[in-house]
C-alpha atoms as a PDB file:
ATOM      1  CA  MET A   1      27.276   1.688  26.867  1.00  0.00           C
ATOM      2  CA  THR A   2      29.231   0.690  23.350  1.00  0.00           C
ATOM      3  CA  TYR A   3      31.836  -1.744  23.873  1.00  0.00           C
ATOM      4  CA  THR A   4      35.003  -2.219  21.064  1.00  0.00           C
ATOM      5  CA  LYS A   5      35.936  -5.424  19.870  1.00  0.00           C
ATOM      6  CA  SER A   6      39.189  -5.396  22.419  1.00  0.00           C
ATOM      7  CA  GLU A   7      36.929  -4.634  25.221  1.00  0.00           C
ATOM      8  CA  ARG A   8      34.018  -6.902  24.795  1.00  0.00           C
ATOM      9  CA  PHE A   9      35.684  -9.803  26.965  1.00  0.00           C
ATOM     10  CA  GLY A  10      37.573  -7.673  29.287  1.00  0.00           C
ATOM     11  CA  ARG A  11      35.709  -4.761  31.476  1.00  0.00           C
ATOM     12  CA  GLY A  12      32.628  -5.648  29.521  1.00  0.00           C
ATOM     13  CA  PRO A  13      29.625  -7.609  30.711  1.00  0.00           C
ATOM     14  CA  HIS A  14      30.476 -11.000  32.262  1.00  0.00           C
ATOM     15  CA  LEU A  15      29.754 -13.559  29.284  1.00  0.00           C
ATOM     16  CA  ASN A  16      29.547 -17.100  29.278  1.00  0.00           C
ATOM     17  CA  PRO A  17      31.588 -19.067  26.735  1.00  0.00           C
ATOM     18  CA  ARG A  18      28.615 -19.453  24.267  1.00  0.00           C
ATOM     19  CA  GLN A  19      28.173 -16.005  24.284  1.00  0.00           C
ATOM     20  CA  GLN A  20      31.497 -14.980  23.591  1.00  0.00           C
ATOM     21  CA  ARG A  21      31.246 -17.686  20.818  1.00  0.00           C
ATOM     22  CA  ILE A  22      28.570 -15.871  19.529  1.00  0.00           C
ATOM     23  CA  VAL A  23      30.125 -12.570  19.564  1.00  0.00           C
ATOM     24  CA  ARG A  24      33.079 -13.472  17.384  1.00  0.00           C
ATOM     25  CA  ARG A  25      31.108 -15.544  15.117  1.00  0.00           C
ATOM     26  CA  LEU A  26      29.588 -11.898  14.720  1.00  0.00           C
ATOM     27  CA  ASP A  27      32.619 -10.090  13.794  1.00  0.00           C
ATOM     28  CA  GLU A  28      32.732 -12.721  10.854  1.00  0.00           C
ATOM     29  CA  GLU A  29      29.607 -13.015   9.111  1.00  0.00           C
ATOM     30  CA  ASP A  30      26.545 -10.509   8.349  1.00  0.00           C
ATOM     31  CA  LYS A  31      23.875 -12.570  10.098  1.00  0.00           C
ATOM     32  CA  LEU A  32      23.594 -15.280  12.863  1.00  0.00           C
ATOM     33  CA  ARG A  33      20.110 -17.165  12.708  1.00  0.00           C
ATOM     34  CA  VAL A  34      18.767 -18.480  15.917  1.00  0.00           C
ATOM     35  CA  SER A  35      17.845 -21.961  14.492  1.00  0.00           C
ATOM     36  CA  THR A  36      21.537 -22.700  13.330  1.00  0.00           C
ATOM     37  CA  LEU A  37      23.275 -21.293  16.546  1.00  0.00           C
ATOM     38  CA  SER A  38      21.077 -23.736  18.665  1.00  0.00           C
ATOM     39  CA  SER A  39      22.200 -26.544  16.228  1.00  0.00           C
ATOM     40  CA  ASP A  40      25.890 -25.517  16.520  1.00  0.00           C
ATOM     41  CA  PHE A  41      25.708 -24.951  20.040  1.00  0.00           C
ATOM     42  CA  GLY A  42      23.673 -28.085  20.765  1.00  0.00           C
ATOM     43  CA  VAL A  43      20.871 -26.383  22.877  1.00  0.00           C
ATOM     44  CA  THR A  44      17.654 -24.808  22.750  1.00  0.00           C
ATOM     45  CA  GLU A  45      16.188 -22.100  20.675  1.00  0.00           C
ATOM     46  CA  GLU A  46      14.768 -20.197  23.800  1.00  0.00           C
ATOM     47  CA  THR A  47      18.319 -20.686  25.310  1.00  0.00           C
ATOM     48  CA  ILE A  48      19.792 -18.734  22.193  1.00  0.00           C
ATOM     49  CA  ARG A  49      17.367 -15.873  22.302  1.00  0.00           C
ATOM     50  CA  ARG A  50      18.268 -15.356  25.711  1.00  0.00           C
ATOM     51  CA  ASP A  51      21.761 -15.453  24.867  1.00  0.00           C
ATOM     52  CA  LEU A  52      21.012 -12.484  22.254  1.00  0.00           C
ATOM     53  CA  GLU A  53      18.529 -10.586  24.208  1.00  0.00           C
ATOM     54  CA  PHE A  54      21.499 -10.209  26.715  1.00  0.00           C
ATOM     55  CA  LEU A  55      24.005  -9.677  24.454  1.00  0.00           C
ATOM     56  CA  GLU A  56      21.649  -7.005  22.856  1.00  0.00           C
ATOM     57  CA  LYS A  57      21.070  -5.510  26.379  1.00  0.00           C
ATOM     58  CA  HIS A  58      24.983  -4.868  26.512  1.00  0.00           C
ATOM     59  CA  ASP A  59      24.892  -3.357  23.236  1.00  0.00           C
ATOM     60  CA  LEU A  60      26.827  -6.223  21.421  1.00  0.00           C
ATOM     61  CA  LEU A  61      24.693  -7.404  18.532  1.00  0.00           C
ATOM     62  CA  ILE A  62      21.333  -5.741  17.215  1.00  0.00           C
ATOM     63  CA  ARG A  63      18.202  -8.807  17.563  1.00  0.00           C
ATOM     64  CA  VAL A  64      16.206  -9.143  14.396  1.00  0.00           C
ATOM     65  CA  HIS A  65      13.696 -11.634  12.319  1.00  0.00           C
ATOM     66  CA  GLY A  66      15.054 -15.121  13.587  1.00  0.00           C
ATOM     67  CA  GLY A  67      18.553 -14.045  14.505  1.00  0.00           C
ATOM     68  CA  ALA A  68      21.061 -11.089  15.248  1.00  0.00           C
ATOM     69  CA  ILE A  69      23.396  -9.083  13.103  1.00  0.00           C
ATOM     70  CA  PRO A  70      26.736  -7.113  14.263  1.00  0.00           C
ATOM     71  CA  LYS A  71      26.131  -4.201  16.136  1.00  0.00           C
ATOM     72  CA  GLU A  72      28.696  -2.451  13.717  1.00  0.00           C
ATOM     73  CA  LYS A  73      26.556  -3.498  10.527  1.00  0.00           C
ATOM     74  CA  THR A  74      23.455  -1.572  10.737  1.00  0.00           C
ATOM     75  CA  GLU A  75      24.809   1.907   9.183  1.00  0.00           C
ATOM     76  CA  GLY A  76      24.207   1.427   5.631  1.00  0.00           C
ATOM     77  CA  PHE A  77      22.149  -1.928   6.200  1.00  0.00           C
ATOM     78  CA  GLU A  78      18.639  -2.381   5.731  1.00  0.00           C
ATOM     79  CA  LEU A  79      16.644  -4.206   8.375  1.00  0.00           C
ATOM     80  CA  PRO A  80      14.382  -7.151   6.892  1.00  0.00           C
ATOM     81  CA  VAL A  81      10.538  -5.283   6.777  1.00  0.00           C
ATOM     82  CA  LEU A  82       9.286  -7.838  10.079  1.00  0.00           C
ATOM     83  CA  ASP A  83      12.360  -5.738  12.087  1.00  0.00           C
ATOM     84  CA  ARG A  84      11.847  -2.230  11.180  1.00  0.00           C
ATOM     85  CA  GLN A  85       7.677  -2.605  11.576  1.00  0.00           C
ATOM     86  CA  SER A  86       8.678  -2.876  15.412  1.00  0.00           C
ATOM     87  CA  LYS A  87      11.086   0.105  15.375  1.00  0.00           C
ATOM     88  CA  ASN A  88      10.017   3.410  16.876  1.00  0.00           C
ATOM     89  CA  MET A  89       6.636   2.344  16.039  1.00  0.00           C
ATOM     90  CA  LYS A  90       4.610   5.403  18.291  1.00  0.00           C
ATOM     91  CA  GLU A  91       6.851   7.992  16.564  1.00  0.00           C
ATOM     92  CA  LYS A  92       5.811   6.526  12.958  1.00  0.00           C
ATOM     93  CA  LYS A  93       2.145   6.299  14.067  1.00  0.00           C
ATOM     94  CA  ALA A  94       2.390   9.704  14.789  1.00  0.00           C
ATOM     95  CA  ILE A  95       4.213  11.074  11.828  1.00  0.00           C
ATOM     96  CA  ALA A  96       2.212   9.171   9.641  1.00  0.00           C
ATOM     97  CA  ALA A  97      -1.093  10.525  10.738  1.00  0.00           C
ATOM     98  CA  LEU A  98       0.325  14.327  10.563  1.00  0.00           C
ATOM     99  CA  ALA A  99       1.323  13.438   7.335  1.00  0.00           C
ATOM    100  CA  ALA A 100      -2.125  12.281   6.194  1.00  0.00           C
ATOM    101  CA  SER A 101      -3.486  15.498   7.002  1.00  0.00           C
ATOM    102  CA  TYR A 102      -1.613  16.989   4.150  1.00  0.00           C
ATOM    103  CA  ILE A 103      -3.030  14.992   1.655  1.00  0.00           C
ATOM    104  CA  ASN A 104      -6.332  16.017  -0.204  1.00  0.00           C
ATOM    105  CA  ASP A 105      -9.039  14.560  -2.202  1.00  0.00           C
ATOM    106  CA  GLY A 106      -8.648  14.053  -5.554  1.00  0.00           C
ATOM    107  CA  GLU A 107      -4.573  14.052  -5.520  1.00  0.00           C
ATOM    108  CA  ILE A 108      -2.033  11.960  -7.250  1.00  0.00           C
ATOM    109  CA  ILE A 109       0.119  10.643  -4.484  1.00  0.00           C
ATOM    110  CA  ALA A 110       3.162   8.146  -4.217  1.00  0.00           C
ATOM    111  CA  LEU A 111       4.203   6.242  -1.123  1.00  0.00           C
ATOM    112  CA  ASP A 112       7.529   4.596  -0.388  1.00  0.00           C
ATOM    113  CA  ALA A 113       8.096   0.869   0.889  1.00  0.00           C
ATOM    114  CA  SER A 114       8.690   1.883   3.928  1.00  0.00           C
ATOM    115  CA  THR A 115       6.930   1.317   7.013  1.00  0.00           C
ATOM    116  CA  THR A 116       6.338   4.802   7.849  1.00  0.00           C
ATOM    117  CA  CYS A 117       4.533   4.914   4.801  1.00  0.00           C
ATOM    118  CA  LEU A 118       2.296   1.588   5.546  1.00  0.00           C
ATOM    119  CA  GLN A 119       1.262   3.612   8.607  1.00  0.00           C
ATOM    120  CA  LEU A 120       0.562   6.691   6.331  1.00  0.00           C
ATOM    121  CA  ALA A 121      -1.946   4.069   4.515  1.00  0.00           C
ATOM    122  CA  LYS A 122      -3.429   3.236   7.437  1.00  0.00           C
ATOM    123  CA  ASN A 123      -4.847   6.838   7.549  1.00  0.00           C
ATOM    124  CA  LEU A 124      -5.792   7.225   4.085  1.00  0.00           C
ATOM    125  CA  HIS A 125      -9.359   4.855   3.966  1.00  0.00           C
ATOM    126  CA  HIS A 126     -11.276   8.122   4.161  1.00  0.00           C
ATOM    127  CA  LYS A 127      -9.915  10.131   1.240  1.00  0.00           C
ATOM    128  CA  GLN A 128     -10.357   9.480  -2.690  1.00  0.00           C
ATOM    129  CA  LEU A 129      -7.078   9.551  -4.242  1.00  0.00           C
ATOM    130  CA  THR A 130      -4.580   7.558  -6.548  1.00  0.00           C
ATOM    131  CA  VAL A 131      -1.777   5.886  -4.875  1.00  0.00           C
ATOM    132  CA  ILE A 132       1.558   5.226  -6.754  1.00  0.00           C
ATOM    133  CA  THR A 133       3.430   2.710  -4.635  1.00  0.00           C
ATOM    134  CA  ASN A 134       6.231  -0.036  -4.980  1.00  0.00           C
ATOM    135  CA  SER A 135       5.556  -1.290  -1.697  1.00  0.00           C
ATOM    136  CA  ILE A 136       3.397  -4.840  -1.503  1.00  0.00           C
ATOM    137  CA  SER A 137       1.941  -4.020   1.937  1.00  0.00           C
ATOM    138  CA  VAL A 138       0.673  -0.677   0.947  1.00  0.00           C
ATOM    139  CA  SER A 139      -0.679  -2.105  -2.144  1.00  0.00           C
ATOM    140  CA  ILE A 140      -2.712  -4.679   0.502  1.00  0.00           C
ATOM    141  CA  GLU A 141      -3.643  -2.002   2.781  1.00  0.00           C
ATOM    142  CA  LEU A 142      -5.365  -0.344   0.556  1.00  0.00           C
ATOM    143  CA  ALA A 143      -6.756  -2.828  -1.943  1.00  0.00           C
ATOM    144  CA  HIS A 144      -9.929  -2.734  -0.373  1.00  0.00           C
ATOM    145  CA  GLN A 145     -10.530   0.906  -0.748  1.00  0.00           C
ATOM    146  CA  LYS A 146     -13.212   1.691  -3.289  1.00  0.00           C
ATOM    147  CA  ASP A 147     -12.263   5.357  -3.175  1.00  0.00           C
ATOM    148  CA  ILE A 148      -8.498   4.581  -3.965  1.00  0.00           C
ATOM    149  CA  THR A 149      -7.129   3.554  -7.074  1.00  0.00           C
ATOM    150  CA  VAL A 150      -3.686   1.757  -6.695  1.00  0.00           C
ATOM    151  CA  ILE A 151      -1.405   1.354  -8.991  1.00  0.00           C
ATOM    152  CA  LEU A 152       1.804  -0.939  -8.303  1.00  0.00           C
ATOM    153  CA  THR A 153       4.987   0.101 -10.169  1.00  0.00           C
ATOM    154  CA  GLY A 154       5.778  -3.439 -11.202  1.00  0.00           C
ATOM    155  CA  GLY A 155       9.248  -4.567 -11.185  1.00  0.00           C
ATOM    156  CA  TYR A 156      10.994  -7.580  -9.226  1.00  0.00           C
ATOM    157  CA  LEU A 157      10.511  -7.794  -5.840  1.00  0.00           C
ATOM    158  CA  ARG A 158      12.771  -7.751  -3.060  1.00  0.00           C
ATOM    159  CA  VAL A 159      11.668  -9.573   0.068  1.00  0.00           C
ATOM    160  CA  GLU A 160      13.757  -7.300   2.739  1.00  0.00           C
ATOM    161  CA  SER A 161      11.261  -4.487   2.228  1.00  0.00           C
ATOM    162  CA  MET A 162       8.135  -6.036   0.213  1.00  0.00           C
ATOM    163  CA  SER A 163       9.114  -3.842  -2.633  1.00  0.00           C
ATOM    164  CA  LEU A 164       9.549  -3.803  -6.264  1.00  0.00           C
ATOM    165  CA  VAL A 165      12.479  -2.272  -7.807  1.00  0.00           C
ATOM    166  CA  GLY A 166      14.377  -2.518 -11.011  1.00  0.00           C
ATOM    167  CA  ILE A 167      14.297  -1.492 -14.833  1.00  0.00           C
ATOM    168  CA  SER A 168      10.711  -2.306 -15.508  1.00  0.00           C
ATOM    169  CA  SER A 169       9.792  -0.341 -12.534  1.00  0.00           C
ATOM    170  CA  ASP A 170      11.217   2.682 -13.589  1.00  0.00           C
ATOM    171  CA  LYS A 171       9.649   2.351 -17.068  1.00  0.00           C
ATOM    172  CA  ILE A 172       6.525   2.561 -15.573  1.00  0.00           C
ATOM    173  CA  ILE A 173       6.922   5.305 -13.373  1.00  0.00           C
ATOM    174  CA  ASN A 174       7.990   7.266 -16.190  1.00  0.00           C
ATOM    175  CA  ASP A 175       4.258   7.264 -17.248  1.00  0.00           C
ATOM    176  CA  TYR A 176       2.853   8.975 -14.231  1.00  0.00           C
ATOM    177  CA  HIS A 177       2.676  12.438 -12.661  1.00  0.00           C
ATOM    178  CA  VAL A 178       2.912  12.789  -8.997  1.00  0.00           C
ATOM    179  CA  ASP A 179       1.490  15.807  -6.931  1.00  0.00           C
ATOM    180  CA  LYS A 180       3.148  14.518  -3.776  1.00  0.00           C
ATOM    181  CA  PHE A 181       5.544  11.881  -2.562  1.00  0.00           C
ATOM    182  CA  PHE A 182       5.799  10.442   1.005  1.00  0.00           C
ATOM    183  CA  ILE A 183       9.154   8.776   1.735  1.00  0.00           C
ATOM    184  CA  SER A 184      11.304   7.537   4.742  1.00  0.00           C
ATOM    185  CA  CYS A 185      14.786   6.896   4.543  1.00  0.00           C
ATOM    186  CA  SER A 186      17.808   5.068   5.984  1.00  0.00           C
ATOM    187  CA  GLY A 187      19.300   8.383   6.435  1.00  0.00           C
ATOM    188  CA  ILE A 188      19.100  12.148   6.329  1.00  0.00           C
ATOM    189  CA  ASP A 189      22.007  14.626   6.821  1.00  0.00           C
ATOM    190  CA  LEU A 190      21.589  18.581   5.747  1.00  0.00           C
ATOM    191  CA  LYS A 191      24.662  18.234   3.575  1.00  0.00           C
ATOM    192  CA  TRP A 192      24.521  14.846   2.032  1.00  0.00           C
ATOM    193  CA  GLY A 193      20.770  14.781   1.771  1.00  0.00           C
ATOM    194  CA  VAL A 194      18.449  11.925   1.722  1.00  0.00           C
ATOM    195  CA  SER A 195      20.160   8.714   1.392  1.00  0.00           C
ATOM    196  CA  GLU A 196      19.164   4.535   0.994  1.00  0.00           C
ATOM    197  CA  SER A 197      20.968   1.422   1.891  1.00  0.00           C
ATOM    198  CA  HIS A 198      20.290  -0.458  -0.977  1.00  0.00           C
ATOM    199  CA  GLU A 199      21.198   0.783  -4.393  1.00  0.00           C
ATOM    200  CA  LEU A 200      17.992  -0.191  -6.551  1.00  0.00           C
ATOM    201  CA  GLN A 201      15.676   0.765  -4.062  1.00  0.00           C
ATOM    202  CA  ALA A 202      17.571   4.449  -4.136  1.00  0.00           C
ATOM    203  CA  GLN A 203      16.741   4.535  -7.677  1.00  0.00           C
ATOM    204  CA  THR A 204      13.310   3.815  -7.534  1.00  0.00           C
ATOM    205  CA  LYS A 205      12.436   6.556  -5.031  1.00  0.00           C
ATOM    206  CA  LYS A 206      14.812   9.041  -7.535  1.00  0.00           C
ATOM    207  CA  ARG A 207      12.683   8.429 -10.226  1.00  0.00           C
ATOM    208  CA  ILE A 208       9.537   8.888  -8.686  1.00  0.00           C
ATOM    209  CA  ALA A 209      11.086  12.289  -6.673  1.00  0.00           C
ATOM    210  CA  SER A 210      11.973  13.323 -10.091  1.00  0.00           C
ATOM    211  CA  LEU A 211       8.014  13.213 -11.262  1.00  0.00           C
ATOM    212  CA  ALA A 212       6.663  14.893  -7.949  1.00  0.00           C
ATOM    213  CA  GLU A 213       5.545  18.088  -7.501  1.00  0.00           C
ATOM    214  CA  GLN A 214       6.356  18.157  -3.942  1.00  0.00           C
ATOM    215  CA  THR A 215       8.249  15.591  -1.488  1.00  0.00           C
ATOM    216  CA  PHE A 216       7.844  14.740   2.305  1.00  0.00           C
ATOM    217  CA  VAL A 217      10.416  13.169   4.287  1.00  0.00           C
ATOM    218  CA  LEU A 218       8.703  11.162   6.860  1.00  0.00           C
ATOM    219  CA  ALA A 219      11.879  10.846   9.463  1.00  0.00           C
ATOM    220  CA  ASP A 220      12.210  10.195  13.256  1.00  0.00           C
ATOM    221  CA  HIS A 221      14.808  11.751  14.807  1.00  0.00           C
ATOM    222  CA  SER A 222      17.077   8.847  15.112  1.00  0.00           C
ATOM    223  CA  LYS A 223      17.643   9.678  11.175  1.00  0.00           C
ATOM    224  CA  PHE A 224      19.092  12.974  11.017  1.00  0.00           C
ATOM    225  CA  GLY A 225      22.662  13.126  10.623  1.00  0.00           C
ATOM    226  CA  HIS A 226      23.259   9.843   8.847  1.00  0.00           C
ATOM    227  CA  LYS A 227      24.732   8.931   5.828  1.00  0.00           C
ATOM    228  CA  SER A 228      23.780   5.404   4.597  1.00  0.00           C
ATOM    229  CA  LEU A 229      25.696   3.872   1.288  1.00  0.00           C
ATOM    230  CA  VAL A 230      23.260   5.789  -1.702  1.00  0.00           C
ATOM    231  CA  HIS A 231      22.563   9.182  -1.740  1.00  0.00           C
ATOM    232  CA  TRP A 232      19.515   9.867  -3.604  1.00  0.00           C
ATOM    233  CA  LEU A 233      17.871  13.124  -3.115  1.00  0.00           C
ATOM    234  CA  PRO A 234      19.464  16.599  -2.447  1.00  0.00           C
ATOM    235  CA  THR A 235      18.429  18.287   0.667  1.00  0.00           C
ATOM    236  CA  GLU A 236      17.118  21.509  -1.363  1.00  0.00           C
ATOM    237  CA  LYS A 237      14.993  19.153  -3.016  1.00  0.00           C
ATOM    238  CA  ILE A 238      12.582  18.229   0.053  1.00  0.00           C
ATOM    239  CA  HIS A 239       9.702  19.802   0.452  1.00  0.00           C
ATOM    240  CA  THR A 240       8.721  18.830   4.037  1.00  0.00           C
ATOM    241  CA  ILE A 241       9.920  16.974   6.626  1.00  0.00           C
ATOM    242  CA  ILE A 242       7.832  15.139   9.519  1.00  0.00           C
ATOM    243  CA  SER A 243       9.804  14.279  12.620  1.00  0.00           C
ATOM    244  CA  ASP A 244       8.552  13.629  16.250  1.00  0.00           C
ATOM    245  CA  GLN A 245       9.669  15.761  19.102  1.00  0.00           C
ATOM    246  CA  GLN A 246      12.238  14.407  20.028  1.00  0.00           C
ATOM    247  CA  LEU A 247      14.550  15.984  17.076  1.00  0.00           C
ATOM    248  CA  ASP A 248      16.458  18.440  18.092  1.00  0.00           C
ATOM    249  CA  ASP A 249      15.734  21.846  17.885  1.00  0.00           C
ATOM    250  CA  ASP A 250      19.234  23.265  15.900  1.00  0.00           C
ATOM    251  CA  ILE A 251      18.968  20.568  13.851  1.00  0.00           C
ATOM    252  CA  ALA A 252      15.285  21.859  12.976  1.00  0.00           C
ATOM    253  CA  LYS A 253      16.475  25.241  12.544  1.00  0.00           C
ATOM    254  CA  GLN A 254      19.219  24.128   9.964  1.00  0.00           C
ATOM    255  CA  TYR A 255      16.230  22.711   7.954  1.00  0.00           C
ATOM    256  CA  GLN A 256      14.270  25.407   7.966  1.00  0.00           C
ATOM    257  CA  SER A 257      16.904  28.057   7.507  1.00  0.00           C
ATOM    258  CA  ALA A 258      17.576  25.680   4.273  1.00  0.00           C
ATOM    259  CA  GLY A 259      13.718  27.087   3.372  1.00  0.00           C
ATOM    260  CA  ILE A 260      12.162  23.400   4.202  1.00  0.00           C
ATOM    261  CA  TYR A 261       9.259  23.361   6.163  1.00  0.00           C
ATOM    262  CA  VAL A 262       9.597  21.010   9.317  1.00  0.00           C
ATOM    263  CA  HIS A 263       7.360  19.783  11.610  1.00  0.00           C
ATOM    264  CA  ARG A 264       7.558  17.742  14.698  1.00  0.00           C
ATOM    265  CA  VAL A 265       4.364  15.775  16.157  1.00  0.00           C
END
């Protein structure tokens, strides 16, 4: 159950004074760190972690690596890569495995810096490919595969997503042809299209998509119906959507009616 700010200390869960202060601070700050809270309250970091676990259980915040962010900040907010790696991992692995079956030897593919595409990279070890990516993690995963040529786009490093973005990245991308571009996203909406929480990340993806013959969206059910900060890919530019079994039948049919292949795994 989600509690409004006025309800948090009323009919909601019973919070001790320290937990109440944590929630109030999250009304004013984008992120709280365990180490900072431990020092401020004079308690151990383990005590703070238990507080955050309790508050997350009651839908009052979201725990992330090293701390917590406000519940209402998650829409349009990019979780750090370490936290995204642990979310819906079962679904991501299944989606990635199916996506790999669409990739043929000899193709030039592009992978974005999503954790789903990192899982996809783990399924490519026996293929002969050229892989263009702005993901440090994907490039490391594929670095020792003798039959895969990895092209890293360049640009400046965004630590949050371990990705390369910026003007220099876009200039390098301009020189390449891409058969298939595999992406995940912050949100996908039938009318709004595909969206991202970070402008430069969206810019890099948009440039790659403009060069690709086909764009595949790898998105679990939780991404549908959400609009993040930057719209970068119209729905009509999507070739195929691969999602999980929890994707609603009506939503899947709407995209199919728009001429998009939809597969659930």
